[in-house]
């Protein structure tokens, strides 16, 4: 019984909807619903337009976010490329400096017949560090030069680097020759740490002059004969002394040397 009542209500509701729909179609056909449609559109169109503008704004913001992320990725890529190119430039500059030093060494006067191992300077205080060691067959006592100018000798050797005792070191005692206008004079060169070099034990009768070139004599066997050392800068001569002395200015400033050569 209850089921029959429920079915009857459903049929009645459907019938009512059909009748209402039919009436609306008839009224719309005679144009009687136009005022209601215009009123509805008057309210709904601004709402639709506002929703559309909001959609456009959200869409544009989303596009901007994606563009910003894309630009950030491009910036990161360009930064990595710049860093890579900087590394390449540094490497090329190092190779160029080494090639320049090698050309200068090969064109130096009195070329050396030893095998030369190029090395980069790593700085230092009393001793100069270079980037070659026992892995490259470097040994203690090997002479270090640049452009045929003696800089010092290897003091300590490690697998991948070595330290060099410079000729300006106070422990340096080097037999040298002074090239005079006529002939040569002999003397002993003493390191004065960072203050330069002192030429000692030069006989008083030797006519040394400022500007005379000082080279290794090869007598103490630690340094080959004929390596350039420096030039006489100031003569210290006292008649009562057996020997005269002189200040010698090195031909190279070690602080400006980037590539040296180890004589193997």
C-alpha atoms as a PDB file:
ATOM      1  CA  UNK A   1       0.000   0.000   0.000  1.00  0.00           C
ATOM      2  CA  UNK A   2       2.815   2.403   0.949  1.00  0.00           C
ATOM      3  CA  UNK A   3       4.653   1.530  -2.254  1.00  0.00           C
ATOM      4  CA  UNK A   4       1.596   2.439  -4.335  1.00  0.00           C
ATOM      5  CA  UNK A   5       1.378   5.860  -2.632  1.00  0.00           C
ATOM      6  CA  UNK A   6       5.101   6.503  -3.310  1.00  0.00           C
ATOM      7  CA  UNK A   7       4.809   5.583  -6.986  1.00  0.00           C
ATOM      8  CA  UNK A   8       1.751   7.803  -7.294  1.00  0.00           C
ATOM      9  CA  UNK A   9       3.679  10.798  -5.840  1.00  0.00           C
ATOM     10  CA  UNK A  10       6.565  10.269  -8.230  1.00  0.00           C
ATOM     11  CA  UNK A  11       4.271  10.108 -11.237  1.00  0.00           C
ATOM     12  CA  UNK A  12       2.471  13.229 -10.065  1.00  0.00           C
ATOM     13  CA  UNK A  13       5.813  15.141  -9.702  1.00  0.00           C
ATOM     14  CA  UNK A  14       6.986  14.086 -13.148  1.00  0.00           C
ATOM     15  CA  UNK A  15       3.685  15.058 -14.691  1.00  0.00           C
ATOM     16  CA  UNK A  16       3.874  18.470 -13.036  1.00  0.00           C
ATOM     17  CA  UNK A  17       7.420  19.036 -14.398  1.00  0.00           C
ATOM     18  CA  UNK A  18       6.288  18.109 -17.884  1.00  0.00           C
ATOM     19  CA  UNK A  19       3.346  20.494 -17.720  1.00  0.00           C
ATOM     20  CA  UNK A  20       5.506  23.331 -16.378  1.00  0.00           C
ATOM     21  CA  UNK A  21       8.130  22.703 -19.055  1.00  0.00           C
ATOM     22  CA  UNK A  22       5.458  22.748 -21.743  1.00  0.00           C
ATOM     23  CA  UNK A  23       4.005  25.995 -20.409  1.00  0.00           C
ATOM     24  CA  UNK A  24       7.470  27.623 -20.333  1.00  0.00           C
ATOM     25  CA  UNK A  25       8.069  26.578 -23.925  1.00  0.00           C
ATOM     26  CA  UNK A  26       4.738  28.063 -24.980  1.00  0.00           C
ATOM     27  CA  UNK A  27       5.360  31.302 -23.083  1.00  0.00           C
ATOM     28  CA  UNK A  28       8.867  31.578 -24.539  1.00  0.00           C
ATOM     29  CA  UNK A  29       7.439  30.978 -27.991  1.00  0.00           C
ATOM     30  CA  UNK A  30       5.145  34.022 -27.567  1.00  0.00           C
ATOM     31  CA  UNK A  31       8.063  36.105 -26.159  1.00  0.00           C
ATOM     32  CA  UNK A  32       6.500  36.380 -22.742  1.00  0.00           C
ATOM     33  CA  UNK A  33       9.716  35.236 -20.965  1.00  0.00           C
ATOM     34  CA  UNK A  34      12.003  37.870 -22.594  1.00  0.00           C
ATOM     35  CA  UNK A  35      11.767  40.337 -19.649  1.00  0.00           C
ATOM     36  CA  UNK A  36      12.770  37.605 -17.234  1.00  0.00           C
ATOM     37  CA  UNK A  37      15.664  36.526 -19.513  1.00  0.00           C
ATOM     38  CA  UNK A  38      16.960  40.099 -19.765  1.00  0.00           C
ATOM     39  CA  UNK A  39      16.754  40.508 -16.016  1.00  0.00           C
ATOM     40  CA  UNK A  40      18.658  37.263 -15.531  1.00  0.00           C
ATOM     41  CA  UNK A  41      21.282  38.303 -18.080  1.00  0.00           C
ATOM     42  CA  UNK A  42      21.596  41.727 -16.425  1.00  0.00           C
ATOM     43  CA  UNK A  43      22.623  39.971 -13.232  1.00  0.00           C
ATOM     44  CA  UNK A  44      24.541  37.034 -14.641  1.00  0.00           C
ATOM     45  CA  UNK A  45      26.651  38.757 -17.344  1.00  0.00           C
ATOM     46  CA  UNK A  46      28.671  40.943 -14.929  1.00  0.00           C
ATOM     47  CA  UNK A  47      29.202  37.885 -12.781  1.00  0.00           C
ATOM     48  CA  UNK A  48      30.372  35.878 -15.780  1.00  0.00           C
ATOM     49  CA  UNK A  49      32.623  38.739 -16.894  1.00  0.00           C
ATOM     50  CA  UNK A  50      34.142  38.987 -13.414  1.00  0.00           C
ATOM     51  CA  UNK A  51      34.752  35.254 -13.327  1.00  0.00           C
ATOM     52  CA  UNK A  52      36.351  35.446 -16.764  1.00  0.00           C
ATOM     53  CA  UNK A  53      38.631  38.303 -15.684  1.00  0.00           C
ATOM     54  CA  UNK A  54      39.617  36.368 -12.562  1.00  0.00           C
ATOM     55  CA  UNK A  55      40.372  33.329 -14.693  1.00  0.00           C
ATOM     56  CA  UNK A  56      42.499  35.424 -17.029  1.00  0.00           C
ATOM     57  CA  UNK A  57      44.382  36.968 -14.097  1.00  0.00           C
ATOM     58  CA  UNK A  58      45.052  33.575 -12.514  1.00  0.00           C
ATOM     59  CA  UNK A  59      46.129  32.187 -15.879  1.00  0.00           C
ATOM     60  CA  UNK A  60      48.524  35.091 -16.458  1.00  0.00           C
ATOM     61  CA  UNK A  61      49.996  34.699 -12.964  1.00  0.00           C
ATOM     62  CA  UNK A  62      50.535  30.994 -13.546  1.00  0.00           C
ATOM     63  CA  UNK A  63      52.257  31.763 -16.862  1.00  0.00           C
ATOM     64  CA  UNK A  64      54.468  34.372 -15.141  1.00  0.00           C
ATOM     65  CA  UNK A  65      55.442  31.856 -12.433  1.00  0.00           C
ATOM     66  CA  UNK A  66      56.434  29.300 -15.031  1.00  0.00           C
ATOM     67  CA  UNK A  67      58.370  31.941 -16.989  1.00  0.00           C
ATOM     68  CA  UNK A  68      60.229  33.020 -13.845  1.00  0.00           C
ATOM     69  CA  UNK A  69      61.136  29.400 -13.064  1.00  0.00           C
ATOM     70  CA  UNK A  70      62.319  28.958 -16.649  1.00  0.00           C
ATOM     71  CA  UNK A  71      64.429  32.117 -16.442  1.00  0.00           C
ATOM     72  CA  UNK A  72      65.931  30.967 -13.125  1.00  0.00           C
ATOM     73  CA  UNK A  73      66.906  27.676 -14.744  1.00  0.00           C
ATOM     74  CA  UNK A  74      68.468  29.564 -17.658  1.00  0.00           C
ATOM     75  CA  UNK A  75      70.356  31.821 -15.233  1.00  0.00           C
ATOM     76  CA  UNK A  76      71.700  28.807 -13.320  1.00  0.00           C
ATOM     77  CA  UNK A  77      72.775  27.222 -16.610  1.00  0.00           C
ATOM     78  CA  UNK A  78      74.485  30.429 -17.757  1.00  0.00           C
ATOM     79  CA  UNK A  79      76.236  30.799 -14.383  1.00  0.00           C
ATOM     80  CA  UNK A  80      77.568  27.249 -14.634  1.00  0.00           C
ATOM     81  CA  UNK A  81      78.746  27.970 -18.192  1.00  0.00           C
ATOM     82  CA  UNK A  82      80.458  31.175 -17.035  1.00  0.00           C
ATOM     83  CA  UNK A  83      82.253  29.276 -14.253  1.00  0.00           C
ATOM     84  CA  UNK A  84      83.303  26.591 -16.722  1.00  0.00           C
ATOM     85  CA  UNK A  85      84.602  29.203 -19.173  1.00  0.00           C
ATOM     86  CA  UNK A  86      86.454  30.997 -16.363  1.00  0.00           C
ATOM     87  CA  UNK A  87      88.183  27.709 -15.582  1.00  0.00           C
ATOM     88  CA  UNK A  88      89.078  27.295 -19.252  1.00  0.00           C
ATOM     89  CA  UNK A  89      90.460  30.843 -19.394  1.00  0.00           C
ATOM     90  CA  UNK A  90      92.596  30.204 -16.297  1.00  0.00           C
ATOM     91  CA  UNK A  91      93.907  26.963 -17.792  1.00  0.00           C
ATOM     92  CA  UNK A  92      94.656  28.650 -21.139  1.00  0.00           C
ATOM     93  CA  UNK A  93      96.406  31.534 -19.377  1.00  0.00           C
ATOM     94  CA  UNK A  94      98.521  29.081 -17.399  1.00  0.00           C
ATOM     95  CA  UNK A  95      99.504  27.252 -20.585  1.00  0.00           C
ATOM     96  CA  UNK A  96     100.259  30.570 -22.285  1.00  0.00           C
ATOM     97  CA  UNK A  97     102.442  31.682 -19.366  1.00  0.00           C
ATOM     98  CA  UNK A  98     104.265  28.368 -19.432  1.00  0.00           C
ATOM     99  CA  UNK A  99     104.816  28.625 -23.207  1.00  0.00           C
ATOM    100  CA  UNK A 100     106.113  32.185 -22.847  1.00  0.00           C
ATOM    101  CA  UNK A 101     108.501  31.096 -20.115  1.00  0.00           C
ATOM    102  CA  UNK A 102     109.681  28.172 -22.223  1.00  0.00           C
ATOM    103  CA  UNK A 103     110.276  30.416 -25.260  1.00  0.00           C
ATOM    104  CA  UNK A 104     112.148  32.893 -23.079  1.00  0.00           C
ATOM    105  CA  UNK A 105     114.246  30.077 -21.630  1.00  0.00           C
ATOM    106  CA  UNK A 106     115.070  28.666 -25.067  1.00  0.00           C
ATOM    107  CA  UNK A 107     116.036  32.107 -26.378  1.00  0.00           C
ATOM    108  CA  UNK A 108     118.213  32.946 -23.343  1.00  0.00           C
ATOM    109  CA  UNK A 109     121.931  33.414 -23.785  1.00  0.00           C
ATOM    110  CA  UNK A 110     124.257  30.507 -23.067  1.00  0.00           C
ATOM    111  CA  UNK A 111     121.517  27.869 -23.424  1.00  0.00           C
ATOM    112  CA  UNK A 112     121.670  24.988 -20.951  1.00  0.00           C
ATOM    113  CA  UNK A 113     122.015  21.439 -22.252  1.00  0.00           C
ATOM    114  CA  UNK A 114     120.207  19.876 -19.287  1.00  0.00           C
ATOM    115  CA  UNK A 115     116.680  18.506 -19.513  1.00  0.00           C
ATOM    116  CA  UNK A 116     114.289  21.120 -18.175  1.00  0.00           C
ATOM    117  CA  UNK A 117     111.119  20.350 -16.230  1.00  0.00           C
ATOM    118  CA  UNK A 118     108.636  23.270 -16.120  1.00  0.00           C
ATOM    119  CA  UNK A 119     106.980  23.895 -12.755  1.00  0.00           C
ATOM    120  CA  UNK A 120     104.455  26.373 -11.412  1.00  0.00           C
ATOM    121  CA  UNK A 121     105.403  28.474  -8.403  1.00  0.00           C
ATOM    122  CA  UNK A 122     103.157  28.081  -5.355  1.00  0.00           C
ATOM    123  CA  UNK A 123     104.528  30.918  -3.249  1.00  0.00           C
ATOM    124  CA  UNK A 124     106.337  30.741   0.062  1.00  0.00           C
ATOM    125  CA  UNK A 125     108.290  32.817   2.547  1.00  0.00           C
ATOM    126  CA  UNK A 126     111.894  31.764   2.994  1.00  0.00           C
ATOM    127  CA  UNK A 127     111.550  28.840   0.598  1.00  0.00           C
ATOM    128  CA  UNK A 128     109.725  28.796  -2.715  1.00  0.00           C
ATOM    129  CA  UNK A 129     107.262  25.955  -3.320  1.00  0.00           C
ATOM    130  CA  UNK A 130     106.754  24.506  -6.811  1.00  0.00           C
ATOM    131  CA  UNK A 131     104.205  22.004  -8.100  1.00  0.00           C
ATOM    132  CA  UNK A 132     106.632  19.247  -9.136  1.00  0.00           C
ATOM    133  CA  UNK A 133     108.017  16.524  -6.886  1.00  0.00           C
ATOM    134  CA  UNK A 134     109.372  12.988  -6.746  1.00  0.00           C
ATOM    135  CA  UNK A 135     106.507  11.786  -8.965  1.00  0.00           C
ATOM    136  CA  UNK A 136     108.173  13.836 -11.724  1.00  0.00           C
ATOM    137  CA  UNK A 137     111.720  12.609 -10.839  1.00  0.00           C
ATOM    138  CA  UNK A 138     112.665  15.760  -8.918  1.00  0.00           C
ATOM    139  CA  UNK A 139     115.530  15.276  -6.429  1.00  0.00           C
ATOM    140  CA  UNK A 140     117.169  17.342  -3.728  1.00  0.00           C
ATOM    141  CA  UNK A 141     119.954  19.630  -4.957  1.00  0.00           C
ATOM    142  CA  UNK A 142     118.555  20.111  -8.455  1.00  0.00           C
ATOM    143  CA  UNK A 143     119.030  23.656  -9.745  1.00  0.00           C
ATOM    144  CA  UNK A 144     115.989  25.837 -10.489  1.00  0.00           C
ATOM    145  CA  UNK A 145     116.226  28.518 -13.193  1.00  0.00           C
ATOM    146  CA  UNK A 146     114.120  30.871 -15.305  1.00  0.00           C
ATOM    147  CA  UNK A 147     115.344  32.462 -18.542  1.00  0.00           C
ATOM    148  CA  UNK A 148     118.815  31.091 -17.773  1.00  0.00           C
ATOM    149  CA  UNK A 149     118.802  33.002 -14.472  1.00  0.00           C
ATOM    150  CA  UNK A 150     119.526  30.878 -11.415  1.00  0.00           C
ATOM    151  CA  UNK A 151     116.866  31.101  -8.720  1.00  0.00           C
ATOM    152  CA  UNK A 152     118.053  28.459  -6.283  1.00  0.00           C
ATOM    153  CA  UNK A 153     118.141  24.721  -5.724  1.00  0.00           C
ATOM    154  CA  UNK A 154     115.666  22.092  -4.561  1.00  0.00           C
ATOM    155  CA  UNK A 155     115.844  21.656  -0.801  1.00  0.00           C
ATOM    156  CA  UNK A 156     113.035  19.229   0.064  1.00  0.00           C
ATOM    157  CA  UNK A 157     111.098  16.893  -2.207  1.00  0.00           C
ATOM    158  CA  UNK A 158     107.595  15.493  -1.759  1.00  0.00           C
ATOM    159  CA  UNK A 159     105.585  13.353  -4.163  1.00  0.00           C
ATOM    160  CA  UNK A 160     103.728  16.245  -5.800  1.00  0.00           C
ATOM    161  CA  UNK A 161     105.634  19.375  -4.817  1.00  0.00           C
ATOM    162  CA  UNK A 162     109.058  20.574  -3.715  1.00  0.00           C
ATOM    163  CA  UNK A 163     110.593  23.479  -1.843  1.00  0.00           C
ATOM    164  CA  UNK A 164     113.392  25.574  -3.317  1.00  0.00           C
ATOM    165  CA  UNK A 165     116.142  27.323  -1.378  1.00  0.00           C
ATOM    166  CA  UNK A 166     116.564  30.653  -3.159  1.00  0.00           C
ATOM    167  CA  UNK A 167     119.961  32.198  -3.813  1.00  0.00           C
ATOM    168  CA  UNK A 168     118.891  35.081  -1.566  1.00  0.00           C
ATOM    169  CA  UNK A 169     118.644  32.650   1.366  1.00  0.00           C
ATOM    170  CA  UNK A 170     121.225  33.402   4.119  1.00  0.00           C
ATOM    171  CA  UNK A 171     122.517  29.820   3.845  1.00  0.00           C
ATOM    172  CA  UNK A 172     123.514  30.362   0.212  1.00  0.00           C
ATOM    173  CA  UNK A 173     127.257  30.449  -0.549  1.00  0.00           C
ATOM    174  CA  UNK A 174     127.905  30.423  -4.264  1.00  0.00           C
ATOM    175  CA  UNK A 175     131.110  30.677  -6.301  1.00  0.00           C
ATOM    176  CA  UNK A 176     130.646  33.244  -9.067  1.00  0.00           C
ATOM    177  CA  UNK A 177     132.447  35.157 -11.782  1.00  0.00           C
ATOM    178  CA  UNK A 178     132.113  38.864 -12.566  1.00  0.00           C
ATOM    179  CA  UNK A 179     132.203  39.669 -16.274  1.00  0.00           C
ATOM    180  CA  UNK A 180     134.488  42.686 -16.686  1.00  0.00           C
ATOM    181  CA  UNK A 181     135.207  44.751 -19.752  1.00  0.00           C
ATOM    182  CA  UNK A 182     138.450  42.820 -19.971  1.00  0.00           C
ATOM    183  CA  UNK A 183     138.499  39.376 -18.456  1.00  0.00           C
ATOM    184  CA  UNK A 184     136.699  38.086 -15.393  1.00  0.00           C
ATOM    185  CA  UNK A 185     136.965  38.373 -11.627  1.00  0.00           C
ATOM    186  CA  UNK A 186     136.061  35.752  -9.076  1.00  0.00           C
ATOM    187  CA  UNK A 187     134.143  36.040  -5.855  1.00  0.00           C
ATOM    188  CA  UNK A 188     131.716  34.394  -3.450  1.00  0.00           C
ATOM    189  CA  UNK A 189     128.047  35.275  -3.461  1.00  0.00           C
ATOM    190  CA  UNK A 190     126.249  35.288  -0.124  1.00  0.00           C
ATOM    191  CA  UNK A 191     122.484  35.334   0.323  1.00  0.00           C
ATOM    192  CA  UNK A 192     121.081  38.228   2.336  1.00  0.00           C
ATOM    193  CA  UNK A 193     117.544  36.829   2.697  1.00  0.00           C
ATOM    194  CA  UNK A 194     115.039  39.257   1.142  1.00  0.00           C
ATOM    195  CA  UNK A 195     117.495  42.141   1.087  1.00  0.00           C
ATOM    196  CA  UNK A 196     119.373  40.789  -1.926  1.00  0.00           C
ATOM    197  CA  UNK A 197     122.847  39.364  -2.524  1.00  0.00           C
ATOM    198  CA  UNK A 198     126.307  40.242  -1.269  1.00  0.00           C
ATOM    199  CA  UNK A 199     129.371  39.679  -3.410  1.00  0.00           C
ATOM    200  CA  UNK A 200     132.425  38.994  -1.237  1.00  0.00           C
ATOM    201  CA  UNK A 201     136.091  37.951  -1.518  1.00  0.00           C
ATOM    202  CA  UNK A 202     136.783  39.938  -4.675  1.00  0.00           C
ATOM    203  CA  UNK A 203     140.428  40.964  -4.823  1.00  0.00           C
ATOM    204  CA  UNK A 204     141.057  44.687  -4.421  1.00  0.00           C
ATOM    205  CA  UNK A 205     142.940  44.920  -7.701  1.00  0.00           C
ATOM    206  CA  UNK A 206     139.944  43.670  -9.678  1.00  0.00           C
ATOM    207  CA  UNK A 207     138.316  46.593 -11.481  1.00  0.00           C
ATOM    208  CA  UNK A 208     134.685  45.719 -10.913  1.00  0.00           C
ATOM    209  CA  UNK A 209     132.042  48.302 -11.778  1.00  0.00           C
ATOM    210  CA  UNK A 210     128.390  48.862 -11.144  1.00  0.00           C
ATOM    211  CA  UNK A 211     126.373  47.094 -13.825  1.00  0.00           C
ATOM    212  CA  UNK A 212     128.863  44.228 -14.241  1.00  0.00           C
ATOM    213  CA  UNK A 213     127.097  40.925 -14.819  1.00  0.00           C
ATOM    214  CA  UNK A 214     127.567  38.143 -12.243  1.00  0.00           C
ATOM    215  CA  UNK A 215     127.365  34.482 -13.324  1.00  0.00           C
ATOM    216  CA  UNK A 216     127.977  31.107 -11.717  1.00  0.00           C
ATOM    217  CA  UNK A 217     131.533  29.825 -12.007  1.00  0.00           C
ATOM    218  CA  UNK A 218     130.728  26.118 -11.584  1.00  0.00           C
ATOM    219  CA  UNK A 219     133.552  25.700  -9.051  1.00  0.00           C
ATOM    220  CA  UNK A 220     131.421  24.447  -6.171  1.00  0.00           C
ATOM    221  CA  UNK A 221     129.703  21.897  -8.472  1.00  0.00           C
ATOM    222  CA  UNK A 222     126.264  22.697  -7.052  1.00  0.00           C
ATOM    223  CA  UNK A 223     125.454  25.067  -9.905  1.00  0.00           C
ATOM    224  CA  UNK A 224     126.526  24.649 -13.544  1.00  0.00           C
ATOM    225  CA  UNK A 225     128.901  27.224 -14.984  1.00  0.00           C
ATOM    226  CA  UNK A 226     127.496  30.234 -16.804  1.00  0.00           C
ATOM    227  CA  UNK A 227     124.104  30.695 -15.177  1.00  0.00           C
ATOM    228  CA  UNK A 228     123.093  34.333 -14.819  1.00  0.00           C
ATOM    229  CA  UNK A 229     122.777  35.634 -11.258  1.00  0.00           C
ATOM    230  CA  UNK A 230     122.506  39.436 -11.208  1.00  0.00           C
ATOM    231  CA  UNK A 231     124.272  42.752 -11.694  1.00  0.00           C
ATOM    232  CA  UNK A 232     126.494  44.713  -9.370  1.00  0.00           C
ATOM    233  CA  UNK A 233     124.420  47.516  -7.849  1.00  0.00           C
ATOM    234  CA  UNK A 234     126.846  49.094  -5.362  1.00  0.00           C
ATOM    235  CA  UNK A 235     130.534  48.548  -4.605  1.00  0.00           C
ATOM    236  CA  UNK A 236     131.842  48.515  -1.026  1.00  0.00           C
ATOM    237  CA  UNK A 237     135.599  49.110  -1.279  1.00  0.00           C
ATOM    238  CA  UNK A 238     137.967  49.856   1.587  1.00  0.00           C
ATOM    239  CA  UNK A 239     141.666  50.203   0.765  1.00  0.00           C
ATOM    240  CA  UNK A 240     142.740  48.622   4.068  1.00  0.00           C
ATOM    241  CA  UNK A 241     140.886  45.395   3.320  1.00  0.00           C
ATOM    242  CA  UNK A 242     142.212  42.481   1.286  1.00  0.00           C
ATOM    243  CA  UNK A 243     138.914  41.983  -0.498  1.00  0.00           C
ATOM    244  CA  UNK A 244     136.259  44.325  -1.810  1.00  0.00           C
ATOM    245  CA  UNK A 245     132.543  43.691  -1.595  1.00  0.00           C
ATOM    246  CA  UNK A 246     129.530  44.640  -3.663  1.00  0.00           C
ATOM    247  CA  UNK A 247     125.780  44.520  -3.491  1.00  0.00           C
ATOM    248  CA  UNK A 248     124.251  42.464  -6.294  1.00  0.00           C
ATOM    249  CA  UNK A 249     120.725  42.931  -7.582  1.00  0.00           C
ATOM    250  CA  UNK A 250     119.078  39.701  -8.828  1.00  0.00           C
ATOM    251  CA  UNK A 251     118.039  39.760 -12.473  1.00  0.00           C
ATOM    252  CA  UNK A 252     114.569  38.424 -11.659  1.00  0.00           C
ATOM    253  CA  UNK A 253     112.066  39.287  -8.973  1.00  0.00           C
ATOM    254  CA  UNK A 254     110.931  35.896  -7.713  1.00  0.00           C
ATOM    255  CA  UNK A 255     107.592  37.394  -6.716  1.00  0.00           C
ATOM    256  CA  UNK A 256     106.800  37.988 -10.384  1.00  0.00           C
ATOM    257  CA  UNK A 257     107.926  34.587 -11.657  1.00  0.00           C
ATOM    258  CA  UNK A 258     105.082  32.154 -12.327  1.00  0.00           C
ATOM    259  CA  UNK A 259     106.892  29.383 -14.169  1.00  0.00           C
ATOM    260  CA  UNK A 260     110.342  28.007 -13.365  1.00  0.00           C
ATOM    261  CA  UNK A 261     112.436  25.175 -14.773  1.00  0.00           C
ATOM    262  CA  UNK A 262     114.084  22.407 -12.803  1.00  0.00           C
ATOM    263  CA  UNK A 263     117.299  21.105 -14.305  1.00  0.00           C
ATOM    264  CA  UNK A 264     117.047  17.311 -14.277  1.00  0.00           C
END
